[in-house]
Amino acid sequence: MGLGYGFAFAIILSLTLRRLLKPMNELTSVMEETTDGAYKSTEIDPEASLEVIKIADVYNQMISKLAERDQKLRGQKDLLETEVALRTSELVQARDTALEANRHKSEFLANITHELRTPLQSILGYTEVVKEVLEDEGIFNCEKDVDKITHNADHLLSLINSILDISKIEAGKMEVSSQNVNIKSLLSRAVDTVAPMIEKNNNALKIITNEADDEFLVDEKKLFQILLNLLSNAAKFTHEGTITLSAAIKNQHLLIDVRDTGIGINQEQQDIIFEPFRQIDGSETRQFLGTGLGLSITMHFTQLLGGKIKLDSEVGKGSCFSVSIPQKPSQEDSTNDH
């Protein structure tokens, strides 16, 4: 009797295990074969236990939803890639159009300023002739009027030269040459040029050049323009204050500081001060005249010479522009290096 029960129990256990373990092993195998993006459903064995059938059914539903979700995501991804490619193409086209327009603008400015500069130089030349003739004839009551013509023509020529410089810079046509320059002599010439503007606003000028005795290999015209722009900028925005020009040659670098006790520049204005046509006061009724090109040209010239320019300023206390320019190796040095 006991043997019969045992035999029956063994048969029932065997059938139960077959209905449970075999389908579970098959389901496990299918799950292991399922990878991201390659979902595989399982066939439900009708002879499996209800528990296994339920698990397999839930698994198949989950796989179906994941596959549907991935299909939607792939569709959205393809659509997004198409839109990005289209937008990128539009942006590239817009950029190329803007660059082309900017190139045409720079070429136009370069051409028109060149055409304007020629007759202006003739006006200045004839003005000098008229002044000499009037002096020879002993006519002095027109001297102030002739000086006004000369002054305004010089000012206009300076503006035209600035526009020509910025257009050449933007067009990538600004050339750089190098000469051995006596720094003290160059500083003296720059100071003499700006002196009337400094004196006009009742400013005092301090010059510190004890460590700038040596000659320096650099583009003289561009360095002179950098000095001129920084000094005139300091003179324009300083009234009854002090402007300090210091220069030194250290470690093959020319270091120039132009410090003033003027109105100063706030942080927001400092962020844009080197952009072309930008001014501290950009309103139509602004107090300080100018095109807003001086500092932009100064920055570009400094970079063309391989240097850097830095601004430290505080509103109400003044500003300090610091320029560092490396000495260009001479032809002999370059040959030795090779």
Protein backbone atom coordinates (compact mmCIF):
# COMPACT_ATOMS: atom_id res chain seq x y z
CA MET A 1 0.00 0.00 0.00
CA GLY A 2 2.72 2.44 1.00
CA LEU A 3 4.68 1.44 -2.08
CA GLY A 4 1.69 2.29 -4.28
CA TYR A 5 1.32 5.73 -2.69
CA GLY A 6 5.01 6.36 -3.14
CA PHE A 7 4.90 5.37 -6.79
CA ALA A 8 1.86 7.61 -7.41
CA PHE A 9 3.55 10.54 -5.65
CA ALA A 10 6.65 10.09 -7.80
CA ILE A 11 4.56 10.17 -10.98
CA ILE A 12 2.69 13.29 -9.86
CA LEU A 13 5.97 14.99 -8.87
CA SER A 14 7.53 14.11 -12.22
CA LEU A 15 4.58 15.53 -14.15
CA THR A 16 4.55 18.65 -12.01
CA LEU A 17 8.27 19.25 -12.50
CA ARG A 18 7.92 18.67 -16.23
CA ARG A 19 5.09 21.24 -16.42
CA LEU A 20 7.08 23.72 -14.32
CA LEU A 21 10.81 23.33 -14.93
CA LYS A 22 10.91 22.72 -18.68
CA PRO A 23 8.80 25.83 -19.59
CA MET A 24 10.75 27.90 -17.05
CA ASN A 25 14.06 26.82 -18.59
CA GLU A 26 12.76 27.68 -22.06
CA LEU A 27 11.54 31.08 -20.83
CA THR A 28 14.88 31.74 -19.13
CA SER A 29 16.72 30.87 -22.33
CA VAL A 30 14.56 33.30 -24.33
CA MET A 31 15.15 36.05 -21.76
CA GLU A 32 18.91 35.52 -21.96
CA GLU A 33 18.81 35.86 -25.74
CA THR A 34 16.90 39.14 -25.50
CA THR A 35 19.19 42.18 -25.85
CA ASP A 36 18.64 45.91 -26.14
CA GLY A 37 16.84 46.50 -29.43
CA ALA A 38 16.52 42.77 -30.21
CA TYR A 39 13.49 41.65 -28.26
CA LYS A 40 12.37 38.02 -28.48
CA SER A 41 9.03 36.72 -27.28
CA THR A 42 8.39 33.19 -26.07
CA GLU A 43 5.86 30.60 -27.17
CA ILE A 44 3.58 29.60 -24.32
CA ASP A 45 3.40 25.86 -23.75
CA PRO A 46 -0.28 25.00 -23.11
CA GLU A 47 0.82 22.08 -20.94
CA ALA A 48 2.86 24.34 -18.64
CA SER A 49 1.58 25.27 -15.22
CA LEU A 50 -0.74 28.24 -14.86
CA GLU A 51 1.98 30.14 -13.00
CA VAL A 52 4.49 29.68 -15.83
CA ILE A 53 1.87 30.55 -18.46
CA LYS A 54 1.10 33.76 -16.53
CA ILE A 55 4.78 34.71 -16.28
CA ALA A 56 5.33 34.03 -19.99
CA ASP A 57 2.26 36.06 -20.92
CA VAL A 58 3.40 39.03 -18.83
CA TYR A 59 6.90 38.75 -20.35
CA ASN A 60 5.49 38.73 -23.90
CA GLN A 61 3.37 41.81 -23.16
CA MET A 62 6.40 43.59 -21.74
CA ILE A 63 8.51 42.68 -24.79
CA SER A 64 5.75 43.87 -27.12
CA LYS A 65 5.53 47.25 -25.36
CA LEU A 66 9.32 47.66 -25.35
CA ALA A 67 9.51 46.88 -29.06
CA GLU A 68 6.71 49.36 -29.77
CA ARG A 69 8.42 52.02 -27.65
CA ASP A 70 11.76 51.47 -29.40
CA GLN A 71 10.12 51.71 -32.79
CA LYS A 72 8.58 55.07 -31.84
CA LEU A 73 11.92 56.29 -30.45
CA ARG A 74 13.72 55.28 -33.65
CA GLY A 75 11.11 57.15 -35.67
CA GLN A 76 11.48 60.24 -33.50
CA LYS A 77 15.29 59.93 -33.68
CA ASP A 78 15.21 59.74 -37.48
CA LEU A 79 12.85 62.72 -37.62
CA LEU A 80 15.05 64.71 -35.24
CA GLU A 81 18.19 63.88 -37.23
CA THR A 82 16.45 65.04 -40.40
CA GLU A 83 15.39 68.31 -38.74
CA VAL A 84 18.88 68.87 -37.30
CA ALA A 85 20.47 68.24 -40.71
CA LEU A 86 18.01 70.66 -42.31
CA ARG A 87 18.58 73.34 -39.65
CA THR A 88 22.35 72.84 -39.86
CA SER A 89 22.20 73.27 -43.62
CA GLU A 90 20.13 76.44 -43.19
CA LEU A 91 22.55 77.78 -40.55
CA VAL A 92 25.57 77.04 -42.73
CA GLN A 93 23.90 78.77 -45.66
CA ALA A 94 22.99 81.77 -43.47
CA ARG A 95 26.53 81.90 -42.08
CA ASP A 96 28.06 81.76 -45.56
CA THR A 97 25.68 84.48 -46.74
CA ALA A 98 26.58 86.67 -43.74
CA LEU A 99 30.31 86.11 -44.29
CA GLU A 100 29.96 86.96 -47.96
CA ALA A 101 27.99 90.11 -47.13
CA ASN A 102 30.59 91.07 -44.53
CA ARG A 103 33.37 90.54 -47.07
CA HIS A 104 31.59 92.76 -49.59
CA LYS A 105 31.09 95.38 -46.86
CA SER A 106 34.77 95.31 -45.93
CA GLU A 107 35.80 95.60 -49.58
CA PHE A 108 33.36 98.48 -50.08
CA LEU A 109 34.67 100.30 -47.01
CA ALA A 110 38.26 99.78 -48.11
CA ASN A 111 37.52 101.11 -51.60
CA ILE A 112 35.40 104.09 -50.51
CA THR A 113 37.80 105.17 -47.77
CA HIS A 114 40.68 105.00 -50.23
CA GLU A 115 38.72 107.17 -52.67
CA LEU A 116 37.89 109.65 -49.89
CA ARG A 117 41.41 109.84 -48.55
CA THR A 118 42.97 110.97 -51.84
CA PRO A 119 40.98 114.24 -52.22
CA LEU A 120 41.32 114.93 -48.48
CA GLN A 121 45.09 114.76 -48.72
CA SER A 122 44.88 117.20 -51.63
CA ILE A 123 42.74 119.56 -49.51
CA LEU A 124 45.32 119.43 -46.71
CA GLY A 125 48.12 120.09 -49.17
CA TYR A 126 46.36 123.07 -50.78
CA THR A 127 45.46 124.42 -47.33
CA GLU A 128 49.13 124.51 -46.39
CA VAL A 129 49.89 126.30 -49.68
CA VAL A 130 47.13 128.86 -49.03
CA LYS A 131 48.45 129.44 -45.51
CA GLU A 132 51.97 130.08 -46.81
CA VAL A 133 50.69 132.46 -49.52
CA LEU A 134 48.64 134.41 -46.98
CA GLU A 135 51.66 134.71 -44.69
CA ASP A 136 53.82 135.90 -47.59
CA GLU A 137 51.19 138.51 -48.49
CA GLY A 138 51.01 139.64 -44.87
CA ILE A 139 47.37 138.59 -44.51
CA PHE A 140 46.88 137.16 -41.03
CA ASN A 141 43.18 137.70 -40.36
CA CYS A 142 42.34 134.42 -42.17
CA GLU A 143 44.88 132.30 -40.31
CA LYS A 144 42.38 130.92 -37.78
CA ASP A 145 39.95 129.96 -40.52
CA VAL A 146 42.65 128.13 -42.45
CA ASP A 147 43.73 126.36 -39.23
CA LYS A 148 40.12 125.23 -38.70
CA ILE A 149 40.04 123.78 -42.21
CA THR A 150 43.32 121.96 -41.54
CA HIS A 151 42.17 120.69 -38.14
CA ASN A 152 38.84 119.36 -39.44
CA ALA A 153 40.43 117.84 -42.53
CA ASP A 154 43.02 116.11 -40.31
CA HIS A 155 40.24 114.83 -38.07
CA LEU A 156 38.25 113.52 -41.03
CA LEU A 157 41.37 111.90 -42.49
CA SER A 158 42.00 110.21 -39.15
CA LEU A 159 38.45 108.81 -39.12
CA ILE A 160 38.80 107.58 -42.70
CA ASN A 161 42.12 105.91 -41.86
CA SER A 162 40.46 104.16 -38.90
CA ILE A 163 37.65 102.84 -41.10
CA LEU A 164 40.22 101.73 -43.68
CA ASP A 165 42.22 99.92 -40.98
CA ILE A 166 39.20 98.07 -39.57
CA SER A 167 38.04 97.06 -43.06
CA LYS A 168 41.50 95.69 -43.86
CA ILE A 169 41.54 93.80 -40.57
CA GLU A 170 38.11 92.27 -41.24
CA ALA A 171 39.14 91.35 -44.79
CA GLY A 172 42.36 89.75 -43.52
CA LYS A 173 44.49 92.08 -45.65
CA MET A 174 46.38 93.90 -42.90
CA GLU A 175 50.10 93.25 -43.36
CA VAL A 176 52.76 93.27 -40.64
CA SER A 177 56.39 94.31 -41.04
CA SER A 178 59.18 94.64 -38.48
CA GLN A 179 61.90 97.21 -37.84
CA ASN A 180 64.33 97.93 -35.04
CA VAL A 181 62.53 100.67 -33.14
CA ASN A 182 63.90 103.06 -30.54
CA ILE A 183 61.08 102.73 -28.00
CA LYS A 184 61.84 105.95 -26.09
CA SER A 185 61.84 107.95 -29.31
CA LEU A 186 58.57 106.37 -30.44
CA LEU A 187 56.94 107.08 -27.07
CA SER A 188 58.09 110.70 -27.29
CA ARG A 189 56.55 111.11 -30.76
CA ALA A 190 53.25 109.61 -29.58
CA VAL A 191 53.16 111.91 -26.56
CA ASP A 192 53.91 114.98 -28.71
CA THR A 193 51.05 114.05 -31.04
CA VAL A 194 48.49 113.65 -28.25
CA ALA A 195 49.81 116.52 -26.08
CA PRO A 196 47.26 119.12 -27.29
CA MET A 197 44.40 116.79 -26.41
CA ILE A 198 45.89 116.05 -22.98
CA GLU A 199 46.37 119.76 -22.26
CA LYS A 200 42.91 120.65 -23.56
CA ASN A 201 41.30 118.77 -20.65
CA ASN A 202 43.82 120.16 -18.12
CA ASN A 203 45.46 116.79 -17.54
CA ALA A 204 48.94 116.08 -16.22
CA LEU A 205 51.10 113.49 -17.98
CA LYS A 206 53.66 111.23 -16.29
CA ILE A 207 56.09 109.17 -18.38
CA ILE A 208 58.04 106.23 -16.94
CA THR A 209 60.49 104.69 -19.43
CA ASN A 210 63.54 103.81 -17.33
CA GLU A 211 63.48 100.20 -18.51
CA ALA A 212 62.80 100.89 -22.20
CA ASP A 213 66.26 101.98 -23.37
CA ASP A 214 66.89 99.18 -25.86
CA GLU A 215 65.71 98.93 -29.42
CA PHE A 216 62.85 96.54 -30.09
CA LEU A 217 62.04 94.61 -33.28
CA VAL A 218 58.40 95.36 -34.04
CA ASP A 219 56.04 96.93 -36.60
CA GLU A 220 56.69 100.61 -35.85
CA LYS A 221 53.53 102.01 -37.48
CA LYS A 222 51.20 99.64 -35.67
CA LEU A 223 52.92 100.15 -32.32
CA PHE A 224 52.71 103.92 -32.82
CA GLN A 225 48.98 103.62 -33.59
CA ILE A 226 48.45 101.49 -30.46
CA LEU A 227 50.14 104.17 -28.33
CA LEU A 228 48.24 106.96 -30.06
CA ASN A 229 44.86 105.26 -29.55
CA LEU A 230 45.45 104.45 -25.87
CA LEU A 231 46.79 107.90 -25.01
CA SER A 232 44.05 109.77 -26.88
CA ASN A 233 41.43 107.53 -25.28
CA ALA A 234 42.81 108.32 -21.82
CA ALA A 235 42.95 112.04 -22.62
CA LYS A 236 39.38 112.07 -23.90
CA PHE A 237 37.85 110.46 -20.81
CA THR A 238 39.98 112.23 -18.19
CA HIS A 239 39.44 115.82 -17.04
CA GLU A 240 41.81 117.62 -14.68
CA GLY A 241 43.40 114.31 -13.81
CA THR A 242 46.60 112.38 -14.41
CA ILE A 243 47.61 110.13 -17.29
CA THR A 244 50.58 107.84 -16.71
CA LEU A 245 52.45 106.19 -19.58
CA SER A 246 54.94 103.52 -18.57
CA ALA A 247 57.00 101.23 -20.79
CA ALA A 248 59.57 98.52 -20.14
CA ILE A 249 61.36 95.78 -22.07
CA LYS A 250 61.53 92.56 -20.05
CA ASN A 251 62.17 88.97 -21.17
CA GLN A 252 61.93 89.85 -24.87
CA HIS A 253 58.54 91.52 -24.31
CA LEU A 254 57.56 95.17 -24.58
CA LEU A 255 55.23 96.04 -21.68
CA ILE A 256 53.13 99.21 -21.96
CA ASP A 257 50.68 100.60 -19.42
CA VAL A 258 48.45 103.61 -20.01
CA ARG A 259 46.75 104.55 -16.75
CA ASP A 260 44.31 107.41 -16.18
CA THR A 261 42.22 108.88 -13.37
CA GLY A 262 39.20 109.38 -15.61
CA ILE A 263 35.57 108.33 -15.48
CA GLY A 264 36.28 104.59 -15.52
CA ILE A 265 34.38 101.80 -17.28
CA ASN A 266 31.79 99.51 -15.70
CA GLN A 267 31.92 95.72 -16.17
CA GLU A 268 29.13 95.60 -18.75
CA GLN A 269 30.93 98.15 -20.92
CA GLN A 270 34.27 96.39 -20.43
CA ASP A 271 32.78 93.27 -22.04
CA ILE A 272 32.11 95.14 -25.31
CA ILE A 273 34.70 97.93 -25.27
CA PHE A 274 36.95 96.24 -27.86
CA GLU A 275 34.14 95.61 -30.36
CA PRO A 276 34.11 97.82 -33.50
CA PHE A 277 31.93 100.95 -33.38
CA ARG A 278 31.33 100.51 -29.62
CA GLN A 279 31.57 103.45 -27.25
CA ILE A 280 31.10 103.96 -23.53
CA ASP A 281 28.21 106.27 -24.37
CA GLY A 282 26.49 105.14 -27.56
CA SER A 283 23.57 107.59 -27.47
CA GLU A 284 23.03 110.21 -30.15
CA THR A 285 23.58 112.93 -27.54
CA ARG A 286 26.78 111.40 -26.19
CA GLN A 287 29.31 113.70 -24.59
CA PHE A 288 32.42 112.08 -26.07
CA LEU A 289 32.91 112.12 -29.84
CA GLY A 290 34.52 109.40 -31.94
CA THR A 291 33.74 106.39 -34.11
CA GLY A 292 34.33 103.70 -31.50
CA LEU A 293 37.05 102.10 -33.65
CA GLY A 294 40.17 103.11 -31.71
CA LEU A 295 40.19 100.36 -29.08
CA SER A 296 39.05 97.71 -31.56
CA ILE A 297 41.94 98.61 -33.87
CA THR A 298 44.28 98.66 -30.86
CA MET A 299 43.25 95.14 -29.86
CA HIS A 300 43.57 93.80 -33.44
CA PHE A 301 46.97 95.46 -33.96
CA THR A 302 48.18 94.03 -30.64
CA GLN A 303 47.05 90.55 -31.69
CA LEU A 304 48.64 90.96 -35.14
CA LEU A 305 51.91 91.66 -33.34
CA GLY A 306 51.45 88.47 -31.31
CA GLY A 307 50.62 90.35 -28.13
CA LYS A 308 47.84 90.71 -25.59
CA ILE A 309 45.88 93.64 -24.19
CA LYS A 310 44.19 93.79 -20.78
CA LEU A 311 41.86 96.30 -19.18
CA ASP A 312 41.47 97.06 -15.47
CA SER A 313 38.95 99.75 -14.64
CA GLU A 314 36.73 101.06 -11.88
CA VAL A 315 33.96 103.58 -12.34
CA GLY A 316 34.90 106.95 -10.89
CA LYS A 317 38.54 106.01 -10.34
CA GLY A 318 39.97 105.45 -13.80
CA SER A 319 41.28 102.80 -16.16
CA CYS A 320 44.52 101.03 -17.01
CA PHE A 321 45.18 99.44 -20.40
CA SER A 322 48.11 97.01 -20.34
CA VAL A 323 49.75 95.79 -23.55
CA SER A 324 52.33 93.01 -23.83
CA ILE A 325 54.05 92.47 -27.19
CA PRO A 326 56.73 89.82 -27.83
CA GLN A 327 59.81 90.82 -29.79
CA LYS A 328 59.77 89.29 -33.25
CA PRO A 329 62.89 87.16 -33.88
CA SER A 330 65.28 88.74 -36.34
CA GLN A 331 65.99 87.05 -39.66
CA GLU A 332 69.40 86.02 -38.33
CA ASP A 333 67.87 84.43 -35.21
CA SER A 334 65.31 82.56 -37.32
CA THR A 335 68.08 81.24 -39.60
CA ASN A 336 70.12 80.05 -36.61
CA ASP A 337 67.09 78.26 -35.15
CA HIS A 338 66.71 76.28 -38.37
